[in-house]
C-alpha atoms as a PDB file:
ATOM      1  CA  MET A   1     120.670  79.887  59.909  1.00  0.00           C
ATOM      2  CA  PRO A   2     123.030  76.934  59.395  1.00  0.00           C
ATOM      3  CA  TYR A   3     126.029  76.979  57.087  1.00  0.00           C
ATOM      4  CA  THR A   4     128.365  74.270  55.894  1.00  0.00           C
ATOM      5  CA  ARG A   5     131.730  74.267  54.173  1.00  0.00           C
ATOM      6  CA  SER A   6     131.891  73.150  50.540  1.00  0.00           C
ATOM      7  CA  GLY A   7     135.234  73.383  48.824  1.00  0.00           C
ATOM      8  CA  GLU A   8     136.614  76.877  49.288  1.00  0.00           C
ATOM      9  CA  THR A   9     133.330  78.519  50.340  1.00  0.00           C
ATOM     10  CA  THR A  10     130.383  78.284  52.722  1.00  0.00           C
ATOM     11  CA  ILE A  11     126.839  77.361  51.753  1.00  0.00           C
ATOM     12  CA  HIS A  12     123.786  78.627  53.613  1.00  0.00           C
ATOM     13  CA  TYR A  13     120.870  76.226  53.998  1.00  0.00           C
ATOM     14  CA  GLU A  14     117.590  75.832  55.865  1.00  0.00           C
ATOM     15  CA  VAL A  15     115.633  72.761  57.001  1.00  0.00           C
ATOM     16  CA  THR A  16     111.875  72.942  57.531  1.00  0.00           C
ATOM     17  CA  GLY A  17     108.896  70.624  57.279  1.00  0.00           C
ATOM     18  CA  ASN A  18     108.072  67.270  58.806  1.00  0.00           C
ATOM     19  CA  PRO A  19     111.114  65.531  60.361  1.00  0.00           C
ATOM     20  CA  LEU A  20     109.380  62.148  60.005  1.00  0.00           C
ATOM     21  CA  LYS A  21     108.918  62.446  56.244  1.00  0.00           C
ATOM     22  CA  PRO A  22     111.314  61.974  53.280  1.00  0.00           C
ATOM     23  CA  TRP A  23     113.853  64.641  52.407  1.00  0.00           C
ATOM     24  CA  LEU A  24     113.178  67.040  49.529  1.00  0.00           C
ATOM     25  CA  VAL A  25     115.953  69.300  48.211  1.00  0.00           C
ATOM     26  CA  LEU A  26     114.877  72.508  46.429  1.00  0.00           C
ATOM     27  CA  SER A  27     117.403  74.184  44.123  1.00  0.00           C
ATOM     28  CA  ASN A  28     117.017  77.781  42.908  1.00  0.00           C
ATOM     29  CA  SER A  29     117.293  79.568  39.601  1.00  0.00           C
ATOM     30  CA  LEU A  30     120.121  81.936  38.777  1.00  0.00           C
ATOM     31  CA  GLY A  31     119.779  85.246  40.609  1.00  0.00           C
ATOM     32  CA  THR A  32     117.497  84.085  43.440  1.00  0.00           C
ATOM     33  CA  ASP A  33     117.735  82.908  47.053  1.00  0.00           C
ATOM     34  CA  ILE A  34     115.856  80.393  49.187  1.00  0.00           C
ATOM     35  CA  GLY A  35     112.795  82.652  49.254  1.00  0.00           C
ATOM     36  CA  PHE A  36     112.312  81.574  45.640  1.00  0.00           C
ATOM     37  CA  TRP A  37     110.401  78.522  46.915  1.00  0.00           C
ATOM     38  CA  ASP A  38     108.104  80.256  49.405  1.00  0.00           C
ATOM     39  CA  ASP A  39     105.003  79.396  47.347  1.00  0.00           C
ATOM     40  CA  GLN A  40     105.903  75.698  47.492  1.00  0.00           C
ATOM     41  CA  VAL A  41     107.046  75.212  51.079  1.00  0.00           C
ATOM     42  CA  GLY A  42     103.622  75.735  52.627  1.00  0.00           C
ATOM     43  CA  VAL A  43     102.140  73.105  50.333  1.00  0.00           C
ATOM     44  CA  LEU A  44     104.905  70.513  50.681  1.00  0.00           C
ATOM     45  CA  GLU A  45     106.149  70.838  54.265  1.00  0.00           C
ATOM     46  CA  SER A  46     103.612  68.471  55.807  1.00  0.00           C
ATOM     47  CA  ASP A  47     104.710  65.637  53.488  1.00  0.00           C
ATOM     48  CA  PHE A  48     108.456  66.301  53.293  1.00  0.00           C
ATOM     49  CA  ARG A  49     111.452  67.419  55.278  1.00  0.00           C
ATOM     50  CA  ILE A  50     112.501  70.316  53.078  1.00  0.00           C
ATOM     51  CA  LEU A  51     116.113  71.306  52.522  1.00  0.00           C
ATOM     52  CA  ARG A  52     116.549  74.681  50.816  1.00  0.00           C
ATOM     53  CA  TYR A  53     119.915  76.270  50.201  1.00  0.00           C
ATOM     54  CA  ASP A  54     121.443  79.325  48.582  1.00  0.00           C
ATOM     55  CA  THR A  55     123.455  78.438  45.502  1.00  0.00           C
ATOM     56  CA  ARG A  56     127.078  79.542  45.799  1.00  0.00           C
ATOM     57  CA  GLY A  57     127.300  83.185  44.854  1.00  0.00           C
ATOM     58  CA  HIS A  58     123.735  83.854  46.003  1.00  0.00           C
ATOM     59  CA  GLY A  59     121.876  84.788  49.181  1.00  0.00           C
ATOM     60  CA  GLY A  60     123.754  83.919  52.338  1.00  0.00           C
ATOM     61  CA  SER A  61     126.274  81.620  50.658  1.00  0.00           C
ATOM     62  CA  GLY A  62     129.807  82.626  49.832  1.00  0.00           C
ATOM     63  CA  ALA A  63     130.581  84.199  46.458  1.00  0.00           C
ATOM     64  CA  PRO A  64     134.103  83.296  45.381  1.00  0.00           C
ATOM     65  CA  GLU A  65     135.580  85.170  42.443  1.00  0.00           C
ATOM     66  CA  GLY A  66     136.039  83.329  39.158  1.00  0.00           C
ATOM     67  CA  ASP A  67     134.156  80.824  37.041  1.00  0.00           C
ATOM     68  CA  TYR A  68     132.075  78.133  38.734  1.00  0.00           C
ATOM     69  CA  THR A  69     131.342  74.618  37.436  1.00  0.00           C
ATOM     70  CA  PHE A  70     128.439  72.238  37.873  1.00  0.00           C
ATOM     71  CA  GLU A  71     130.822  69.890  39.630  1.00  0.00           C
ATOM     72  CA  GLN A  72     131.069  72.599  42.297  1.00  0.00           C
ATOM     73  CA  LEU A  73     127.330  73.394  42.245  1.00  0.00           C
ATOM     74  CA  GLY A  74     126.417  69.718  42.527  1.00  0.00           C
ATOM     75  CA  GLY A  75     129.063  69.211  45.189  1.00  0.00           C
ATOM     76  CA  ASP A  76     127.466  72.008  47.199  1.00  0.00           C
ATOM     77  CA  VAL A  77     124.164  70.101  47.220  1.00  0.00           C
ATOM     78  CA  LEU A  78     125.868  66.961  48.478  1.00  0.00           C
ATOM     79  CA  ALA A  79     127.655  69.009  51.151  1.00  0.00           C
ATOM     80  CA  VAL A  80     124.431  70.494  52.510  1.00  0.00           C
ATOM     81  CA  MET A  81     122.748  67.088  52.394  1.00  0.00           C
ATOM     82  CA  ASP A  82     125.608  65.645  54.427  1.00  0.00           C
ATOM     83  CA  ALA A  83     125.469  68.540  56.881  1.00  0.00           C
ATOM     84  CA  ALA A  84     121.714  68.171  57.323  1.00  0.00           C
ATOM     85  CA  GLY A  85     121.876  64.382  57.666  1.00  0.00           C
ATOM     86  CA  ALA A  86     120.041  63.597  54.430  1.00  0.00           C
ATOM     87  CA  ASP A  87     121.482  60.333  53.093  1.00  0.00           C
ATOM     88  CA  THR A  88     119.013  60.338  50.204  1.00  0.00           C
ATOM     89  CA  ALA A  89     116.428  62.814  48.984  1.00  0.00           C
ATOM     90  CA  ARG A  90     113.971  63.756  46.318  1.00  0.00           C
ATOM     91  CA  PHE A  91     115.161  66.716  44.244  1.00  0.00           C
ATOM     92  CA  CYS A  92     113.332  69.633  42.634  1.00  0.00           C
ATOM     93  CA  GLY A  93     115.254  72.316  40.755  1.00  0.00           C
ATOM     94  CA  LEU A  94     114.295  75.102  38.384  1.00  0.00           C
ATOM     95  CA  SER A  95     116.429  76.586  35.595  1.00  0.00           C
ATOM     96  CA  MET A  96     120.038  76.448  36.850  1.00  0.00           C
ATOM     97  CA  GLY A  97     118.718  74.331  39.731  1.00  0.00           C
ATOM     98  CA  GLY A  98     117.333  71.842  37.211  1.00  0.00           C
ATOM     99  CA  THR A  99     120.677  71.586  35.458  1.00  0.00           C
ATOM    100  CA  THR A 100     122.223  70.964  38.875  1.00  0.00           C
ATOM    101  CA  GLY A 101     119.708  68.154  39.318  1.00  0.00           C
ATOM    102  CA  LEU A 102     120.731  66.607  36.005  1.00  0.00           C
ATOM    103  CA  TRP A 103     124.385  66.738  37.032  1.00  0.00           C
ATOM    104  CA  LEU A 104     123.567  65.036  40.339  1.00  0.00           C
ATOM    105  CA  ALA A 105     121.432  62.359  38.683  1.00  0.00           C
ATOM    106  CA  ILE A 106     124.330  61.532  36.366  1.00  0.00           C
ATOM    107  CA  ASN A 107     127.129  61.748  38.926  1.00  0.00           C
ATOM    108  CA  ALA A 108     125.540  60.820  42.277  1.00  0.00           C
ATOM    109  CA  PRO A 109     122.358  58.869  41.458  1.00  0.00           C
ATOM    110  CA  GLN A 110     122.589  56.801  44.654  1.00  0.00           C
ATOM    111  CA  ARG A 111     121.769  59.908  46.707  1.00  0.00           C
ATOM    112  CA  PHE A 112     118.418  60.607  45.000  1.00  0.00           C
ATOM    113  CA  GLU A 113     115.033  58.931  44.721  1.00  0.00           C
ATOM    114  CA  GLN A 114     113.081  61.193  42.345  1.00  0.00           C
ATOM    115  CA  LEU A 115     113.785  64.212  40.133  1.00  0.00           C
ATOM    116  CA  VAL A 116     111.648  67.207  39.251  1.00  0.00           C
ATOM    117  CA  LEU A 117     113.381  69.258  36.551  1.00  0.00           C
ATOM    118  CA  CYS A 118     111.653  72.560  35.872  1.00  0.00           C
ATOM    119  CA  ASN A 119     112.137  75.165  33.137  1.00  0.00           C
ATOM    120  CA  THR A 120     115.606  73.874  32.447  1.00  0.00           C
ATOM    121  CA  GLY A 121     117.875  72.209  29.952  1.00  0.00           C
ATOM    122  CA  ALA A 122     120.870  69.921  29.690  1.00  0.00           C
ATOM    123  CA  LYS A 123     122.505  72.728  27.750  1.00  0.00           C
ATOM    124  CA  ILE A 124     121.105  76.242  28.208  1.00  0.00           C
ATOM    125  CA  GLY A 125     122.446  78.688  25.654  1.00  0.00           C
ATOM    126  CA  ASP A 126     126.111  79.000  24.700  1.00  0.00           C
ATOM    127  CA  ALA A 127     128.978  81.455  24.955  1.00  0.00           C
ATOM    128  CA  SER A 128     127.214  83.948  22.680  1.00  0.00           C
ATOM    129  CA  VAL A 129     124.398  84.149  25.256  1.00  0.00           C
ATOM    130  CA  TRP A 130     126.367  84.008  28.472  1.00  0.00           C
ATOM    131  CA  GLN A 131     129.629  85.816  27.821  1.00  0.00           C
ATOM    132  CA  PRO A 132     128.070  89.239  27.124  1.00  0.00           C
ATOM    133  CA  ARG A 133     126.054  88.905  30.336  1.00  0.00           C
ATOM    134  CA  ILE A 134     129.144  87.905  32.317  1.00  0.00           C
ATOM    135  CA  ASP A 135     131.050  90.871  30.894  1.00  0.00           C
ATOM    136  CA  ALA A 136     128.187  93.290  31.603  1.00  0.00           C
ATOM    137  CA  VAL A 137     127.759  92.172  35.219  1.00  0.00           C
ATOM    138  CA  LYS A 138     131.484  92.284  35.903  1.00  0.00           C
ATOM    139  CA  SER A 139     131.668  95.772  34.412  1.00  0.00           C
ATOM    140  CA  ASP A 140     128.466  97.440  35.584  1.00  0.00           C
ATOM    141  CA  GLY A 141     126.915  95.226  38.271  1.00  0.00           C
ATOM    142  CA  ILE A 142     123.514  93.560  38.390  1.00  0.00           C
ATOM    143  CA  ALA A 143     121.150  96.531  38.072  1.00  0.00           C
ATOM    144  CA  PRO A 144     121.431  97.135  34.291  1.00  0.00           C
ATOM    145  CA  ILE A 145     120.369  93.564  33.416  1.00  0.00           C
ATOM    146  CA  VAL A 146     117.456  93.221  35.837  1.00  0.00           C
ATOM    147  CA  GLU A 147     114.576  94.471  33.689  1.00  0.00           C
ATOM    148  CA  GLY A 148     115.551  92.230  30.799  1.00  0.00           C
ATOM    149  CA  VAL A 149     115.668  89.249  33.136  1.00  0.00           C
ATOM    150  CA  VAL A 150     112.253  90.037  34.621  1.00  0.00           C
ATOM    151  CA  GLU A 151     110.727  90.345  31.151  1.00  0.00           C
ATOM    152  CA  ARG A 152     112.001  86.871  30.227  1.00  0.00           C
ATOM    153  CA  TRP A 153     110.950  85.324  33.518  1.00  0.00           C
ATOM    154  CA  PHE A 154     107.308  86.462  33.576  1.00  0.00           C
ATOM    155  CA  THR A 155     104.687  87.034  30.905  1.00  0.00           C
ATOM    156  CA  GLU A 156     103.457  90.583  30.430  1.00  0.00           C
ATOM    157  CA  GLY A 157     100.042  89.596  31.780  1.00  0.00           C
ATOM    158  CA  PHE A 158     101.534  88.291  35.010  1.00  0.00           C
ATOM    159  CA  ARG A 159     103.766  91.335  35.428  1.00  0.00           C
ATOM    160  CA  GLN A 160     100.661  93.529  35.241  1.00  0.00           C
ATOM    161  CA  ALA A 161      98.506  91.280  37.437  1.00  0.00           C
ATOM    162  CA  GLU A 162     101.009  90.677  40.264  1.00  0.00           C
ATOM    163  CA  PRO A 163     103.447  93.605  40.398  1.00  0.00           C
ATOM    164  CA  LYS A 164     104.298  92.987  44.065  1.00  0.00           C
ATOM    165  CA  THR A 165     105.362  89.425  43.305  1.00  0.00           C
ATOM    166  CA  VAL A 166     107.493  90.639  40.430  1.00  0.00           C
ATOM    167  CA  ASP A 167     109.026  93.297  42.688  1.00  0.00           C
ATOM    168  CA  ARG A 168     109.960  90.589  45.222  1.00  0.00           C
ATOM    169  CA  ILE A 169     111.844  88.625  42.584  1.00  0.00           C
ATOM    170  CA  ARG A 170     113.410  91.782  41.156  1.00  0.00           C
ATOM    171  CA  ALA A 171     114.752  92.573  44.622  1.00  0.00           C
ATOM    172  CA  MET A 172     116.266  89.075  44.893  1.00  0.00           C
ATOM    173  CA  ILE A 173     118.130  89.560  41.626  1.00  0.00           C
ATOM    174  CA  LEU A 174     119.400  92.964  42.729  1.00  0.00           C
ATOM    175  CA  ARG A 175     120.732  91.475  45.992  1.00  0.00           C
ATOM    176  CA  THR A 176     122.793  88.880  44.142  1.00  0.00           C
ATOM    177  CA  SER A 177     126.566  89.222  44.220  1.00  0.00           C
ATOM    178  CA  PRO A 178     127.905  90.220  40.781  1.00  0.00           C
ATOM    179  CA  ALA A 179     130.808  87.803  41.268  1.00  0.00           C
ATOM    180  CA  GLY A 180     128.411  85.001  42.189  1.00  0.00           C
ATOM    181  CA  TYR A 181     126.053  85.748  39.309  1.00  0.00           C
ATOM    182  CA  ALA A 182     128.925  85.841  36.797  1.00  0.00           C
ATOM    183  CA  GLY A 183     130.430  82.655  38.239  1.00  0.00           C
ATOM    184  CA  CYS A 184     127.172  80.759  37.784  1.00  0.00           C
ATOM    185  CA  CYS A 185     126.706  82.171  34.279  1.00  0.00           C
ATOM    186  CA  ALA A 186     130.114  80.682  33.448  1.00  0.00           C
ATOM    187  CA  ALA A 187     128.955  77.271  34.695  1.00  0.00           C
ATOM    188  CA  LEU A 188     125.932  77.479  32.398  1.00  0.00           C
ATOM    189  CA  ARG A 189     128.097  78.683  29.510  1.00  0.00           C
ATOM    190  CA  ASP A 190     130.461  75.739  29.818  1.00  0.00           C
ATOM    191  CA  THR A 191     128.063  72.849  30.539  1.00  0.00           C
ATOM    192  CA  ASP A 192     126.482  70.332  28.187  1.00  0.00           C
ATOM    193  CA  LEU A 193     124.915  67.312  29.917  1.00  0.00           C
ATOM    194  CA  ARG A 194     123.002  65.956  26.925  1.00  0.00           C
ATOM    195  CA  ALA A 195     125.131  62.855  26.443  1.00  0.00           C
ATOM    196  CA  GLY A 196     124.898  61.871  30.107  1.00  0.00           C
ATOM    197  CA  MET A 197     121.110  62.037  30.367  1.00  0.00           C
ATOM    198  CA  GLN A 198     120.693  58.682  28.657  1.00  0.00           C
ATOM    199  CA  ALA A 199     122.051  56.929  31.760  1.00  0.00           C
ATOM    200  CA  ILE A 200     119.551  58.445  34.226  1.00  0.00           C
ATOM    201  CA  ARG A 201     117.157  55.884  35.672  1.00  0.00           C
ATOM    202  CA  LEU A 202     115.479  57.941  38.415  1.00  0.00           C
ATOM    203  CA  PRO A 203     111.738  58.601  38.253  1.00  0.00           C
ATOM    204  CA  THR A 204     111.565  62.040  36.662  1.00  0.00           C
ATOM    205  CA  LEU A 205     108.982  64.764  36.127  1.00  0.00           C
ATOM    206  CA  VAL A 206     109.875  67.500  33.646  1.00  0.00           C
ATOM    207  CA  VAL A 207     108.029  70.823  33.997  1.00  0.00           C
ATOM    208  CA  ALA A 208     107.943  73.316  31.125  1.00  0.00           C
ATOM    209  CA  GLY A 209     106.515  76.798  30.732  1.00  0.00           C
ATOM    210  CA  ALA A 210     104.431  77.227  27.589  1.00  0.00           C
ATOM    211  CA  HIS A 211     105.632  80.841  27.230  1.00  0.00           C
ATOM    212  CA  ASP A 212     109.220  80.388  28.437  1.00  0.00           C
ATOM    213  CA  PRO A 213     111.767  82.189  26.206  1.00  0.00           C
ATOM    214  CA  ALA A 214     114.727  81.335  28.445  1.00  0.00           C
ATOM    215  CA  THR A 215     114.339  77.541  28.419  1.00  0.00           C
ATOM    216  CA  PRO A 216     111.688  76.828  25.767  1.00  0.00           C
ATOM    217  CA  PRO A 217     109.543  73.679  25.983  1.00  0.00           C
ATOM    218  CA  ALA A 218     111.755  72.047  23.345  1.00  0.00           C
ATOM    219  CA  LEU A 219     114.547  71.831  25.944  1.00  0.00           C
ATOM    220  CA  SER A 220     112.172  70.125  28.370  1.00  0.00           C
ATOM    221  CA  GLU A 221     111.059  67.718  25.660  1.00  0.00           C
ATOM    222  CA  GLU A 222     114.714  66.880  24.987  1.00  0.00           C
ATOM    223  CA  ILE A 223     115.094  65.860  28.647  1.00  0.00           C
ATOM    224  CA  ARG A 224     111.847  63.879  28.638  1.00  0.00           C
ATOM    225  CA  ALA A 225     112.883  61.985  25.507  1.00  0.00           C
ATOM    226  CA  ALA A 226     116.301  61.150  26.946  1.00  0.00           C
ATOM    227  CA  ILE A 227     115.313  59.857  30.415  1.00  0.00           C
ATOM    228  CA  PRO A 228     113.471  56.532  30.218  1.00  0.00           C
ATOM    229  CA  GLY A 229     110.021  56.595  31.805  1.00  0.00           C
ATOM    230  CA  SER A 230     110.034  60.327  32.505  1.00  0.00           C
ATOM    231  CA  ARG A 231     106.941  62.432  31.942  1.00  0.00           C
ATOM    232  CA  MET A 232     106.377  66.084  31.180  1.00  0.00           C
ATOM    233  CA  VAL A 233     103.814  68.712  32.054  1.00  0.00           C
ATOM    234  CA  THR A 234     103.564  72.119  30.374  1.00  0.00           C
ATOM    235  CA  LEU A 235     102.177  74.978  32.461  1.00  0.00           C
ATOM    236  CA  PRO A 236     100.723  78.383  31.460  1.00  0.00           C
ATOM    237  CA  ALA A 237     103.802  80.393  32.450  1.00  0.00           C
ATOM    238  CA  ALA A 238     107.046  81.896  31.266  1.00  0.00           C
ATOM    239  CA  HIS A 239     110.322  80.917  32.986  1.00  0.00           C
ATOM    240  CA  LEU A 240     109.373  80.911  36.681  1.00  0.00           C
ATOM    241  CA  SER A 241     106.506  78.444  36.484  1.00  0.00           C
ATOM    242  CA  ASN A 242     106.643  77.808  40.245  1.00  0.00           C
ATOM    243  CA  ILE A 243     105.573  81.433  40.775  1.00  0.00           C
ATOM    244  CA  GLU A 244     103.524  82.388  37.705  1.00  0.00           C
ATOM    245  CA  ALA A 245     101.528  79.136  37.660  1.00  0.00           C
ATOM    246  CA  ARG A 246     101.954  78.307  41.333  1.00  0.00           C
ATOM    247  CA  ALA A 247      98.697  76.386  41.796  1.00  0.00           C
ATOM    248  CA  GLU A 248      99.225  74.146  38.774  1.00  0.00           C
ATOM    249  CA  PHE A 249     102.916  73.739  39.622  1.00  0.00           C
ATOM    250  CA  ASN A 250     102.194  72.764  43.218  1.00  0.00           C
ATOM    251  CA  ASP A 251      99.567  70.225  42.170  1.00  0.00           C
ATOM    252  CA  ALA A 252     101.790  68.613  39.534  1.00  0.00           C
ATOM    253  CA  VAL A 253     104.898  68.439  41.711  1.00  0.00           C
ATOM    254  CA  SER A 254     103.090  67.304  44.851  1.00  0.00           C
ATOM    255  CA  ASP A 255     101.179  64.566  42.981  1.00  0.00           C
ATOM    256  CA  PHE A 256     104.394  63.290  41.407  1.00  0.00           C
ATOM    257  CA  LEU A 257     106.483  63.305  44.578  1.00  0.00           C
ATOM    258  CA  LYS A 258     103.781  61.613  46.637  1.00  0.00           C
ATOM    259  CA  GLY A 259     102.797  59.153  43.906  1.00  0.00           C
END
């Protein structure tokens, strides 16, 4: 698996798909690794050259101690694009990955052609949400928070219908470095991109989950209203719409990116 240097750490990435097609960068949620997109890769790889990567602090990437910023998280995307030879790309990110996409669209718009921003927000929560989680993970590790995260990420019906899928995501969360998880929580705690969204001019699809308690549809509507010409689709899912409503998600994203 290839790695590249970004700032003071290394970022793990993977390139698959059709080398003759446009680049598509996929950016994960907090607490997951590149396997997060397994349900999408099989659908998209014939039409795109897919670049997946592990967010700093996650998967095979380095996990420096301390608070992270979206300048770092966005810089990591640009570093892996440079390493892979992707001058420009389409971008699809979910949750923290969507906020990374907003940062990139504001700060490096020349590198991107389209945006898909899923189950995300320009500002997700505040210190009252994130600081207790940071403190808990630093004190006790990841395990004590996992069940609460899983309950927010999937509806009860899905948890009962697909327990093996839920177990796969639970295992990803448990594998995440506590330092990396806390560092990314700090980035979310400290970031508000609402003012910058007005300047985005990239074609944008916003994906919401009708039952998402983590990033409610109102946050998606805020993005849609701010980015001229963007459109929004709401899927029958909680937070991880790419997994809980995979068929509808794949259809919506594929149609947009190929349109």
